[in-house]
Amino acid sequence: MDIKEIVDNLNLISSVIPDYSEGRNRGLSDAESEKIAFEAISEVIESLEKLEIQNIDKLKILVVEQQEWLKRLIFHKMYPAICTDHIQVFESRKEYMEFVRLQVEIEKLLNS
């Protein structure tokens, strides 16, 4: 279930029954317990929406980084050659692992 779907489902909640005894244990009045319980739902929705925006922003940054890698390491090294010629795309194992790390991060964000 993605964040947007969770937020949509949380919007189905029209009322919350606070745990008054828990509120009293915390030293709150019943009115304060109600207020905090109602505000908690709104805060969860806002937090999830912010998280979704942050994930989208992070994904955009990673995609730009990925495009730079592709331009620098792959397309820059291509030359008019026979299709069966092999080219070494990455200069080192470190470059390859950095590219793989980037791909894994993008995949995680896309699947979250």
PDB file of N, CA and C in Angstrom:
ATOM      1  N   MET A   1       0.854  -1.167   0.000  1.00  0.00           N
ATOM      2  CA  MET A   1       0.000   0.000   0.000  1.00  0.00           C
ATOM      3  C   MET A   1       0.905   1.236   0.000  1.00  0.00           C
ATOM      4  N   ASP A   2       0.659   2.159  -0.918  1.00  0.00           N
ATOM      5  CA  ASP A   2       1.498   3.351  -0.981  1.00  0.00           C
ATOM      6  C   ASP A   2       0.957   4.456  -0.068  1.00  0.00           C
ATOM      7  N   ILE A   3       1.750   5.499   0.108  1.00  0.00           N
ATOM      8  CA  ILE A   3       1.406   6.580   1.045  1.00  0.00           C
ATOM      9  C   ILE A   3       0.105   7.259   0.648  1.00  0.00           C
ATOM     10  N   LYS A   4      -0.086   7.497  -0.643  1.00  0.00           N
ATOM     11  CA  LYS A   4      -1.309   8.175  -1.095  1.00  0.00           C
ATOM     12  C   LYS A   4      -2.545   7.367  -0.713  1.00  0.00           C
ATOM     13  N   GLU A   5      -2.472   6.068  -0.872  1.00  0.00           N
ATOM     14  CA  GLU A   5      -3.607   5.206  -0.519  1.00  0.00           C
ATOM     15  C   GLU A   5      -3.853   5.208   0.994  1.00  0.00           C
ATOM     16  N   ILE A   6      -2.785   5.208   1.774  1.00  0.00           N
ATOM     17  CA  ILE A   6      -2.930   5.257   3.231  1.00  0.00           C
ATOM     18  C   ILE A   6      -3.598   6.561   3.649  1.00  0.00           C
ATOM     19  N   VAL A   7      -3.150   7.691   3.049  1.00  0.00           N
ATOM     20  CA  VAL A   7      -3.743   8.990   3.373  1.00  0.00           C
ATOM     21  C   VAL A   7      -5.216   8.997   2.985  1.00  0.00           C
ATOM     22  N   ASP A   8      -5.533   8.469   1.803  1.00  0.00           N
ATOM     23  CA  ASP A   8      -6.934   8.398   1.381  1.00  0.00           C
ATOM     24  C   ASP A   8      -7.767   7.594   2.371  1.00  0.00           C
ATOM     25  N   ASN A   9      -7.219   6.483   2.852  1.00  0.00           N
ATOM     26  CA  ASN A   9      -7.942   5.653   3.820  1.00  0.00           C
ATOM     27  C   ASN A   9      -8.081   6.358   5.173  1.00  0.00           C
ATOM     28  N   LEU A  10      -7.056   7.096   5.582  1.00  0.00           N
ATOM     29  CA  LEU A  10      -7.156   7.847   6.842  1.00  0.00           C
ATOM     30  C   LEU A  10      -8.226   8.934   6.756  1.00  0.00           C
ATOM     31  N   ASN A  11      -8.426   9.465   5.567  1.00  0.00           N
ATOM     32  CA  ASN A  11      -9.456  10.490   5.390  1.00  0.00           C
ATOM     33  C   ASN A  11     -10.867   9.927   5.574  1.00  0.00           C
ATOM     34  N   LEU A  12     -11.009   8.610   5.621  1.00  0.00           N
ATOM     35  CA  LEU A  12     -12.306   7.983   5.887  1.00  0.00           C
ATOM     36  C   LEU A  12     -12.692   8.069   7.366  1.00  0.00           C
ATOM     37  N   ILE A  13     -11.729   8.381   8.204  1.00  0.00           N
ATOM     38  CA  ILE A  13     -11.992   8.474   9.644  1.00  0.00           C
ATOM     39  C   ILE A  13     -12.660   9.819   9.930  1.00  0.00           C
ATOM     40  N   SER A  14     -13.871   9.747  10.478  1.00  0.00           N
ATOM     41  CA  SER A  14     -14.572  10.997  10.774  1.00  0.00           C
ATOM     42  C   SER A  14     -14.560  11.322  12.265  1.00  0.00           C
ATOM     43  N   SER A  15     -14.374  10.316  13.089  1.00  0.00           N
ATOM     44  CA  SER A  15     -14.313  10.590  14.515  1.00  0.00           C
ATOM     45  C   SER A  15     -13.342   9.617  15.179  1.00  0.00           C
ATOM     46  N   VAL A  16     -12.808  10.075  16.291  1.00  0.00           N
ATOM     47  CA  VAL A  16     -11.839   9.293  17.047  1.00  0.00           C
ATOM     48  C   VAL A  16     -12.327   9.235  18.484  1.00  0.00           C
ATOM     49  N   ILE A  17     -12.225   8.075  19.090  1.00  0.00           N
ATOM     50  CA  ILE A  17     -12.600   7.940  20.500  1.00  0.00           C
ATOM     51  C   ILE A  17     -11.305   7.923  21.304  1.00  0.00           C
ATOM     52  N   PRO A  18     -11.076   9.000  22.035  1.00  0.00           N
ATOM     53  CA  PRO A  18      -9.839   9.049  22.824  1.00  0.00           C
ATOM     54  C   PRO A  18      -9.891   8.085  24.004  1.00  0.00           C
ATOM     55  N   ASP A  19      -8.735   7.680  24.445  1.00  0.00           N
ATOM     56  CA  ASP A  19      -8.613   6.853  25.646  1.00  0.00           C
ATOM     57  C   ASP A  19      -8.509   7.812  26.829  1.00  0.00           C
ATOM     58  N   TYR A  20      -9.641   8.080  27.435  1.00  0.00           N
ATOM     59  CA  TYR A  20      -9.688   9.074  28.512  1.00  0.00           C
ATOM     60  C   TYR A  20      -8.847   8.662  29.712  1.00  0.00           C
ATOM     61  N   SER A  21      -8.841   7.369  30.028  1.00  0.00           N
ATOM     62  CA  SER A  21      -8.058   6.935  31.195  1.00  0.00           C
ATOM     63  C   SER A  21      -6.557   7.133  30.927  1.00  0.00           C
ATOM     64  N   GLU A  22      -6.113   6.890  29.709  1.00  0.00           N
ATOM     65  CA  GLU A  22      -4.708   7.149  29.354  1.00  0.00           C
ATOM     66  C   GLU A  22      -4.410   8.643  29.474  1.00  0.00           C
ATOM     67  N   GLY A  23      -5.354   9.461  29.017  1.00  0.00           N
ATOM     68  CA  GLY A  23      -5.188  10.908  29.132  1.00  0.00           C
ATOM     69  C   GLY A  23      -5.085  11.352  30.581  1.00  0.00           C
ATOM     70  N   ARG A  24      -5.932  10.768  31.420  1.00  0.00           N
ATOM     71  CA  ARG A  24      -5.882  11.131  32.841  1.00  0.00           C
ATOM     72  C   ARG A  24      -4.571  10.688  33.471  1.00  0.00           C
ATOM     73  N   ASN A  25      -4.073   9.500  33.047  1.00  0.00           N
ATOM     74  CA  ASN A  25      -2.770   9.034  33.543  1.00  0.00           C
ATOM     75  C   ASN A  25      -1.653  10.004  33.147  1.00  0.00           C
ATOM     76  N   ARG A  26      -1.848  10.688  32.020  1.00  0.00           N
ATOM     77  CA  ARG A  26      -0.864  11.677  31.562  1.00  0.00           C
ATOM     78  C   ARG A  26      -1.103  13.048  32.187  1.00  0.00           C
ATOM     79  N   GLY A  27      -2.148  13.160  32.973  1.00  0.00           N
ATOM     80  CA  GLY A  27      -2.454  14.424  33.637  1.00  0.00           C
ATOM     81  C   GLY A  27      -3.252  15.375  32.760  1.00  0.00           C
ATOM     82  N   LEU A  28      -3.951  14.827  31.768  1.00  0.00           N
ATOM     83  CA  LEU A  28      -4.742  15.658  30.858  1.00  0.00           C
ATOM     84  C   LEU A  28      -6.211  15.628  31.245  1.00  0.00           C
ATOM     85  N   SER A  29      -6.911  16.710  30.940  1.00  0.00           N
ATOM     86  CA  SER A  29      -8.367  16.706  31.123  1.00  0.00           C
ATOM     87  C   SER A  29      -8.972  15.946  29.947  1.00  0.00           C
ATOM     88  N   ASP A  30     -10.253  15.602  30.062  1.00  0.00           N
ATOM     89  CA  ASP A  30     -10.923  14.891  28.970  1.00  0.00           C
ATOM     90  C   ASP A  30     -10.946  15.742  27.696  1.00  0.00           C
ATOM     91  N   ALA A  31     -11.155  17.039  27.850  1.00  0.00           N
ATOM     92  CA  ALA A  31     -11.172  17.939  26.690  1.00  0.00           C
ATOM     93  C   ALA A  31      -9.800  17.967  26.008  1.00  0.00           C
ATOM     94  N   GLU A  32      -8.730  17.996  26.817  1.00  0.00           N
ATOM     95  CA  GLU A  32      -7.380  17.987  26.253  1.00  0.00           C
ATOM     96  C   GLU A  32      -7.100  16.662  25.531  1.00  0.00           C
ATOM     97  N   SER A  33      -7.565  15.566  26.109  1.00  0.00           N
ATOM     98  CA  SER A  33      -7.384  14.250  25.476  1.00  0.00           C
ATOM     99  C   SER A  33      -8.075  14.201  24.125  1.00  0.00           C
ATOM    100  N   GLU A  34      -9.299  14.730  24.066  1.00  0.00           N
ATOM    101  CA  GLU A  34     -10.031  14.763  22.792  1.00  0.00           C
ATOM    102  C   GLU A  34      -9.286  15.595  21.752  1.00  0.00           C
ATOM    103  N   LYS A  35      -8.848  16.766  22.174  1.00  0.00           N
ATOM    104  CA  LYS A  35      -8.161  17.672  21.255  1.00  0.00           C
ATOM    105  C   LYS A  35      -6.900  17.016  20.687  1.00  0.00           C
ATOM    106  N   ILE A  36      -6.101  16.409  21.565  1.00  0.00           N
ATOM    107  CA  ILE A  36      -4.854  15.767  21.135  1.00  0.00           C
ATOM    108  C   ILE A  36      -5.142  14.592  20.204  1.00  0.00           C
ATOM    109  N   ALA A  37      -6.157  13.785  20.522  1.00  0.00           N
ATOM    110  CA  ALA A  37      -6.498  12.629  19.685  1.00  0.00           C
ATOM    111  C   ALA A  37      -6.946  13.069  18.293  1.00  0.00           C
ATOM    112  N   PHE A  38      -7.779  14.109  18.224  1.00  0.00           N
ATOM    113  CA  PHE A  38      -8.250  14.598  16.927  1.00  0.00           C
ATOM    114  C   PHE A  38      -7.094  15.193  16.117  1.00  0.00           C
ATOM    115  N   GLU A  39      -6.220  15.933  16.798  1.00  0.00           N
ATOM    116  CA  GLU A  39      -5.083  16.539  16.098  1.00  0.00           C
ATOM    117  C   GLU A  39      -4.085  15.489  15.619  1.00  0.00           C
ATOM    118  N   ALA A  40      -3.988  14.379  16.335  1.00  0.00           N
ATOM    119  CA  ALA A  40      -3.032  13.333  15.967  1.00  0.00           C
ATOM    120  C   ALA A  40      -3.330  12.772  14.572  1.00  0.00           C
ATOM    121  N   ILE A  41      -4.607  12.592  14.242  1.00  0.00           N
ATOM    122  CA  ILE A  41      -4.969  12.073  12.920  1.00  0.00           C
ATOM    123  C   ILE A  41      -4.519  13.050  11.838  1.00  0.00           C
ATOM    124  N   SER A  42      -4.795  14.336  12.033  1.00  0.00           N
ATOM    125  CA  SER A  42      -4.373  15.342  11.050  1.00  0.00           C
ATOM    126  C   SER A  42      -2.855  15.380  10.917  1.00  0.00           C
ATOM    127  N   GLU A  43      -2.159  15.271  12.040  1.00  0.00           N
ATOM    128  CA  GLU A  43      -0.697  15.298  12.010  1.00  0.00           C
ATOM    129  C   GLU A  43      -0.125  14.090  11.276  1.00  0.00           C
ATOM    130  N   VAL A  44      -0.737  12.933  11.447  1.00  0.00           N
ATOM    131  CA  VAL A  44      -0.280  11.730  10.731  1.00  0.00           C
ATOM    132  C   VAL A  44      -0.463  11.924   9.227  1.00  0.00           C
ATOM    133  N   ILE A  45      -1.613  12.429   8.822  1.00  0.00           N
ATOM    134  CA  ILE A  45      -1.874  12.658   7.397  1.00  0.00           C
ATOM    135  C   ILE A  45      -0.860  13.647   6.825  1.00  0.00           C
ATOM    136  N   GLU A  46      -0.636  14.749   7.528  1.00  0.00           N
ATOM    137  CA  GLU A  46       0.327  15.753   7.059  1.00  0.00           C
ATOM    138  C   GLU A  46       1.737  15.171   6.982  1.00  0.00           C
ATOM    139  N   SER A  47       2.124  14.380   7.973  1.00  0.00           N
ATOM    140  CA  SER A  47       3.459  13.779   7.981  1.00  0.00           C
ATOM    141  C   SER A  47       3.640  12.816   6.813  1.00  0.00           C
ATOM    142  N   LEU A  48       2.621  12.015   6.544  1.00  0.00           N
ATOM    143  CA  LEU A  48       2.709  11.076   5.425  1.00  0.00           C
ATOM    144  C   LEU A  48       2.783  11.811   4.089  1.00  0.00           C
ATOM    145  N   GLU A  49       2.015  12.892   3.952  1.00  0.00           N
ATOM    146  CA  GLU A  49       2.069  13.664   2.714  1.00  0.00           C
ATOM    147  C   GLU A  49       3.441  14.297   2.524  1.00  0.00           C
ATOM    148  N   LYS A  50       4.043  14.807   3.616  1.00  0.00           N
ATOM    149  CA  LYS A  50       5.390  15.381   3.535  1.00  0.00           C
ATOM    150  C   LYS A  50       6.404  14.313   3.158  1.00  0.00           C
ATOM    151  N   LEU A  51       6.250  13.116   3.738  1.00  0.00           N
ATOM    152  CA  LEU A  51       7.152  12.011   3.431  1.00  0.00           C
ATOM    153  C   LEU A  51       7.075  11.649   1.957  1.00  0.00           C
ATOM    154  N   GLU A  52       5.867  11.618   1.417  1.00  0.00           N
ATOM    155  CA  GLU A  52       5.689  11.307   0.002  1.00  0.00           C
ATOM    156  C   GLU A  52       6.376  12.358  -0.865  1.00  0.00           C
ATOM    157  N   ILE A  53       6.233  13.631  -0.509  1.00  0.00           N
ATOM    158  CA  ILE A  53       6.881  14.712  -1.263  1.00  0.00           C
ATOM    159  C   ILE A  53       8.395  14.574  -1.172  1.00  0.00           C
ATOM    160  N   GLN A  54       8.913  14.257   0.017  1.00  0.00           N
ATOM    161  CA  GLN A  54      10.354  14.079   0.186  1.00  0.00           C
ATOM    162  C   GLN A  54      10.861  12.925  -0.672  1.00  0.00           C
ATOM    163  N   ASN A  55      10.102  11.833  -0.718  1.00  0.00           N
ATOM    164  CA  ASN A  55      10.499  10.689  -1.541  1.00  0.00           C
ATOM    165  C   ASN A  55      10.524  11.052  -3.017  1.00  0.00           C
ATOM    166  N   ILE A  56       9.540  11.825  -3.451  1.00  0.00           N
ATOM    167  CA  ILE A  56       9.498  12.251  -4.850  1.00  0.00           C
ATOM    168  C   ILE A  56      10.689  13.148  -5.153  1.00  0.00           C
ATOM    169  N   ASP A  57      10.993  14.075  -4.249  1.00  0.00           N
ATOM    170  CA  ASP A  57      12.137  14.959  -4.444  1.00  0.00           C
ATOM    171  C   ASP A  57      13.443  14.170  -4.487  1.00  0.00           C
ATOM    172  N   LYS A  58      13.578  13.199  -3.589  1.00  0.00           N
ATOM    173  CA  LYS A  58      14.790  12.376  -3.567  1.00  0.00           C
ATOM    174  C   LYS A  58      14.896  11.555  -4.850  1.00  0.00           C
ATOM    175  N   LEU A  59      13.771  11.039  -5.316  1.00  0.00           N
ATOM    176  CA  LEU A  59      13.771  10.263  -6.548  1.00  0.00           C
ATOM    177  C   LEU A  59      14.195  11.126  -7.736  1.00  0.00           C
ATOM    178  N   LYS A  60      13.719  12.367  -7.781  1.00  0.00           N
ATOM    179  CA  LYS A  60      14.114  13.270  -8.861  1.00  0.00           C
ATOM    180  C   LYS A  60      15.621  13.499  -8.860  1.00  0.00           C
ATOM    181  N   ILE A  61      16.187  13.705  -7.670  1.00  0.00           N
ATOM    182  CA  ILE A  61      17.631  13.918  -7.554  1.00  0.00           C
ATOM    183  C   ILE A  61      18.390  12.683  -8.027  1.00  0.00           C
ATOM    184  N   LEU A  62      17.920  11.503  -7.622  1.00  0.00           N
ATOM    185  CA  LEU A  62      18.592  10.266  -8.023  1.00  0.00           C
ATOM    186  C   LEU A  62      18.500  10.030  -9.527  1.00  0.00           C
ATOM    187  N   VAL A  63      17.374  10.375 -10.115  1.00  0.00           N
ATOM    188  CA  VAL A  63      17.217  10.190 -11.559  1.00  0.00           C
ATOM    189  C   VAL A  63      18.159  11.134 -12.317  1.00  0.00           C
ATOM    190  N   VAL A  64      18.297  12.361 -11.838  1.00  0.00           N
ATOM    191  CA  VAL A  64      19.245  13.296 -12.465  1.00  0.00           C
ATOM    192  C   VAL A  64      20.661  12.747 -12.355  1.00  0.00           C
ATOM    193  N   GLU A  65      21.002  12.234 -11.174  1.00  0.00           N
ATOM    194  CA  GLU A  65      22.324  11.637 -10.977  1.00  0.00           C
ATOM    195  C   GLU A  65      22.524  10.445 -11.903  1.00  0.00           C
ATOM    196  N   GLN A  66      21.486   9.638 -12.050  1.00  0.00           N
ATOM    197  CA  GLN A  66      21.551   8.483 -12.935  1.00  0.00           C
ATOM    198  C   GLN A  66      21.786   8.927 -14.382  1.00  0.00           C
ATOM    199  N   GLN A  67      21.085   9.956 -14.806  1.00  0.00           N
ATOM    200  CA  GLN A  67      21.256  10.451 -16.170  1.00  0.00           C
ATOM    201  C   GLN A  67      22.683  10.944 -16.398  1.00  0.00           C
ATOM    202  N   GLU A  68      23.255  11.616 -15.387  1.00  0.00           N
ATOM    203  CA  GLU A  68      24.639  12.076 -15.504  1.00  0.00           C
ATOM    204  C   GLU A  68      25.603  10.898 -15.644  1.00  0.00           C
ATOM    205  N   TRP A  69      25.358   9.855 -14.852  1.00  0.00           N
ATOM    206  CA  TRP A  69      26.187   8.646 -14.963  1.00  0.00           C
ATOM    207  C   TRP A  69      26.071   8.057 -16.360  1.00  0.00           C
ATOM    208  N   LEU A  70      24.857   7.933 -16.839  1.00  0.00           N
ATOM    209  CA  LEU A  70      24.659   7.334 -18.157  1.00  0.00           C
ATOM    210  C   LEU A  70      25.359   8.148 -19.242  1.00  0.00           C
ATOM    211  N   LYS A  71      25.227   9.462 -19.178  1.00  0.00           N
ATOM    212  CA  LYS A  71      25.887  10.313 -20.171  1.00  0.00           C
ATOM    213  C   LYS A  71      27.398  10.186 -20.083  1.00  0.00           C
ATOM    214  N   ARG A  72      27.910  10.267 -18.867  1.00  0.00           N
ATOM    215  CA  ARG A  72      29.361  10.286 -18.679  1.00  0.00           C
ATOM    216  C   ARG A  72      30.003   8.934 -18.943  1.00  0.00           C
ATOM    217  N   LEU A  73      29.393   7.876 -18.451  1.00  0.00           N
ATOM    218  CA  LEU A  73      30.050   6.571 -18.497  1.00  0.00           C
ATOM    219  C   LEU A  73      29.657   5.706 -19.688  1.00  0.00           C
ATOM    220  N   ILE A  74      28.477   5.918 -20.192  1.00  0.00           N
ATOM    221  CA  ILE A  74      28.028   5.010 -21.246  1.00  0.00           C
ATOM    222  C   ILE A  74      27.981   5.723 -22.591  1.00  0.00           C
ATOM    223  N   PHE A  75      27.143   6.716 -22.721  1.00  0.00           N
ATOM    224  CA  PHE A  75      26.948   7.340 -24.024  1.00  0.00           C
ATOM    225  C   PHE A  75      28.209   8.051 -24.508  1.00  0.00           C
ATOM    226  N   HIS A  76      28.963   8.631 -23.593  1.00  0.00           N
ATOM    227  CA  HIS A  76      30.195   9.318 -23.958  1.00  0.00           C
ATOM    228  C   HIS A  76      31.215   8.342 -24.549  1.00  0.00           C
ATOM    229  N   LYS A  77      31.203   7.117 -24.096  1.00  0.00           N
ATOM    230  CA  LYS A  77      32.194   6.131 -24.530  1.00  0.00           C
ATOM    231  C   LYS A  77      31.775   5.371 -25.782  1.00  0.00           C
ATOM    232  N   MET A  78      30.541   5.544 -26.205  1.00  0.00           N
ATOM    233  CA  MET A  78      30.103   4.828 -27.398  1.00  0.00           C
ATOM    234  C   MET A  78      30.717   5.486 -28.629  1.00  0.00           C
ATOM    235  N   TYR A  79      31.020   4.683 -29.579  1.00  0.00           N
ATOM    236  CA  TYR A  79      31.623   5.170 -30.805  1.00  0.00           C
ATOM    237  C   TYR A  79      31.057   4.354 -31.956  1.00  0.00           C
ATOM    238  N   PRO A  80      31.158   4.854 -33.163  1.00  0.00           N
ATOM    239  CA  PRO A  80      30.636   4.059 -34.286  1.00  0.00           C
ATOM    240  C   PRO A  80      31.498   2.815 -34.479  1.00  0.00           C
ATOM    241  N   ALA A  81      31.027   1.731 -33.998  1.00  0.00           N
ATOM    242  CA  ALA A  81      31.771   0.480 -34.081  1.00  0.00           C
ATOM    243  C   ALA A  81      30.825  -0.645 -34.463  1.00  0.00           C
ATOM    244  N   ILE A  82      31.384  -1.761 -34.669  1.00  0.00           N
ATOM    245  CA  ILE A  82      30.574  -2.939 -34.968  1.00  0.00           C
ATOM    246  C   ILE A  82      29.796  -3.303 -33.709  1.00  0.00           C
ATOM    247  N   CYS A  83      28.559  -3.688 -33.861  1.00  0.00           N
ATOM    248  CA  CYS A  83      27.686  -3.959 -32.711  1.00  0.00           C
ATOM    249  C   CYS A  83      28.233  -5.027 -31.780  1.00  0.00           C
ATOM    250  N   THR A  84      29.089  -5.889 -32.292  1.00  0.00           N
ATOM    251  CA  THR A  84      29.607  -6.961 -31.434  1.00  0.00           C
ATOM    252  C   THR A  84      30.827  -6.533 -30.631  1.00  0.00           C
ATOM    253  N   ASP A  85      31.355  -5.332 -30.888  1.00  0.00           N
ATOM    254  CA  ASP A  85      32.503  -4.847 -30.122  1.00  0.00           C
ATOM    255  C   ASP A  85      32.091  -4.629 -28.668  1.00  0.00           C
ATOM    256  N   HIS A  86      32.964  -5.028 -27.768  1.00  0.00           N
ATOM    257  CA  HIS A  86      32.715  -4.796 -26.343  1.00  0.00           C
ATOM    258  C   HIS A  86      33.382  -3.492 -25.940  1.00  0.00           C
ATOM    259  N   ILE A  87      32.713  -2.729 -25.105  1.00  0.00           N
ATOM    260  CA  ILE A  87      33.328  -1.526 -24.563  1.00  0.00           C
ATOM    261  C   ILE A  87      33.308  -1.627 -23.050  1.00  0.00           C
ATOM    262  N   GLN A  88      34.336  -1.094 -22.429  1.00  0.00           N
ATOM    263  CA  GLN A  88      34.383  -1.080 -20.974  1.00  0.00           C
ATOM    264  C   GLN A  88      33.717   0.204 -20.519  1.00  0.00           C
ATOM    265  N   VAL A  89      32.566   0.055 -19.885  1.00  0.00           N
ATOM    266  CA  VAL A  89      31.769   1.212 -19.496  1.00  0.00           C
ATOM    267  C   VAL A  89      32.304   1.843 -18.219  1.00  0.00           C
ATOM    268  N   PHE A  90      32.645   1.041 -17.248  1.00  0.00           N
ATOM    269  CA  PHE A  90      33.102   1.549 -15.963  1.00  0.00           C
ATOM    270  C   PHE A  90      34.612   1.414 -15.868  1.00  0.00           C
ATOM    271  N   GLU A  91      35.237   2.451 -15.346  1.00  0.00           N
ATOM    272  CA  GLU A  91      36.696   2.458 -15.225  1.00  0.00           C
ATOM    273  C   GLU A  91      37.179   1.580 -14.073  1.00  0.00           C
ATOM    274  N   SER A  92      36.323   1.404 -13.073  1.00  0.00           N
ATOM    275  CA  SER A  92      36.748   0.640 -11.901  1.00  0.00           C
ATOM    276  C   SER A  92      35.533  -0.032 -11.264  1.00  0.00           C
ATOM    277  N   ARG A  93      35.831  -0.937 -10.385  1.00  0.00           N
ATOM    278  CA  ARG A  93      34.774  -1.605  -9.618  1.00  0.00           C
ATOM    279  C   ARG A  93      34.030  -0.582  -8.763  1.00  0.00           C
ATOM    280  N   LYS A  94      34.747   0.412  -8.252  1.00  0.00           N
ATOM    281  CA  LYS A  94      34.148   1.457  -7.430  1.00  0.00           C
ATOM    282  C   LYS A  94      33.081   2.223  -8.220  1.00  0.00           C
ATOM    283  N   GLU A  95      33.372   2.596  -9.460  1.00  0.00           N
ATOM    284  CA  GLU A  95      32.384   3.279 -10.300  1.00  0.00           C
ATOM    285  C   GLU A  95      31.164   2.400 -10.528  1.00  0.00           C
ATOM    286  N   TYR A  96      31.418   1.130 -10.813  1.00  0.00           N
ATOM    287  CA  TYR A  96      30.323   0.187 -11.048  1.00  0.00           C
ATOM    288  C   TYR A  96      29.442   0.066  -9.808  1.00  0.00           C
ATOM    289  N   MET A  97      30.053  -0.071  -8.631  1.00  0.00           N
ATOM    290  CA  MET A  97      29.284  -0.227  -7.397  1.00  0.00           C
ATOM    291  C   MET A  97      28.491   1.035  -7.078  1.00  0.00           C
ATOM    292  N   GLU A  98      29.039   2.210  -7.382  1.00  0.00           N
ATOM    293  CA  GLU A  98      28.316   3.462  -7.165  1.00  0.00           C
ATOM    294  C   GLU A  98      27.082   3.518  -8.061  1.00  0.00           C
ATOM    295  N   PHE A  99      27.233   3.081  -9.304  1.00  0.00           N
ATOM    296  CA  PHE A  99      26.102   3.055 -10.229  1.00  0.00           C
ATOM    297  C   PHE A  99      25.043   2.052  -9.753  1.00  0.00           C
ATOM    298  N   VAL A 100      25.468   0.905  -9.289  1.00  0.00           N
ATOM    299  CA  VAL A 100      24.534  -0.106  -8.774  1.00  0.00           C
ATOM    300  C   VAL A 100      23.804   0.433  -7.543  1.00  0.00           C
ATOM    301  N   ARG A 101      24.534   1.121  -6.642  1.00  0.00           N
ATOM    302  CA  ARG A 101      23.913   1.708  -5.447  1.00  0.00           C
ATOM    303  C   ARG A 101      22.815   2.685  -5.851  1.00  0.00           C
ATOM    304  N   LEU A 102      23.097   3.488  -6.841  1.00  0.00           N
ATOM    305  CA  LEU A 102      22.121   4.450  -7.335  1.00  0.00           C
ATOM    306  C   LEU A 102      20.877   3.740  -7.874  1.00  0.00           C
ATOM    307  N   GLN A 103      21.092   2.688  -8.640  1.00  0.00           N
ATOM    308  CA  GLN A 103      19.971   1.925  -9.191  1.00  0.00           C
ATOM    309  C   GLN A 103      19.118   1.313  -8.082  1.00  0.00           C
ATOM    310  N   VAL A 104      19.763   0.789  -7.058  1.00  0.00           N
ATOM    311  CA  VAL A 104      19.041   0.155  -5.937  1.00  0.00           C
ATOM    312  C   VAL A 104      18.220   1.199  -5.186  1.00  0.00           C
ATOM    313  N   GLU A 105      18.788   2.389  -4.952  1.00  0.00           N
ATOM    314  CA  GLU A 105      18.043   3.451  -4.264  1.00  0.00           C
ATOM    315  C   GLU A 105      16.816   3.868  -5.055  1.00  0.00           C
ATOM    316  N   ILE A 106      16.977   4.010  -6.360  1.00  0.00           N
ATOM    317  CA  ILE A 106      15.848   4.375  -7.210  1.00  0.00           C
ATOM    318  C   ILE A 106      14.773   3.293  -7.147  1.00  0.00           C
ATOM    319  N   GLU A 107      15.181   2.046  -7.227  1.00  0.00           N
ATOM    320  CA  GLU A 107      14.236   0.930  -7.184  1.00  0.00           C
ATOM    321  C   GLU A 107      13.476   0.911  -5.851  1.00  0.00           C
ATOM    322  N   LYS A 108      14.169   1.151  -4.744  1.00  0.00           N
ATOM    323  CA  LYS A 108      13.507   1.180  -3.430  1.00  0.00           C
ATOM    324  C   LYS A 108      12.453   2.274  -3.369  1.00  0.00           C
ATOM    325  N   LEU A 109      12.808   3.460  -3.862  1.00  0.00           N
ATOM    326  CA  LEU A 109      11.856   4.577  -3.841  1.00  0.00           C
ATOM    327  C   LEU A 109      10.654   4.299  -4.732  1.00  0.00           C
ATOM    328  N   LEU A 110      10.894   3.701  -5.860  1.00  0.00           N
ATOM    329  CA  LEU A 110       9.796   3.396  -6.768  1.00  0.00           C
ATOM    330  C   LEU A 110       8.849   2.355  -6.171  1.00  0.00           C
ATOM    331  N   ASN A 111       9.378   1.450  -5.381  1.00  0.00           N
ATOM    332  CA  ASN A 111       8.559   0.394  -4.801  1.00  0.00           C
ATOM    333  C   ASN A 111       7.964   0.755  -3.451  1.00  0.00           C
ATOM    334  N   SER A 112       8.324   1.912  -2.897  1.00  0.00           N
ATOM    335  CA  SER A 112       7.781   2.278  -1.579  1.00  0.00           C
ATOM    336  C   SER A 112       6.459   2.993  -1.703  1.00  0.00           C
TER     337      SER A 112
END
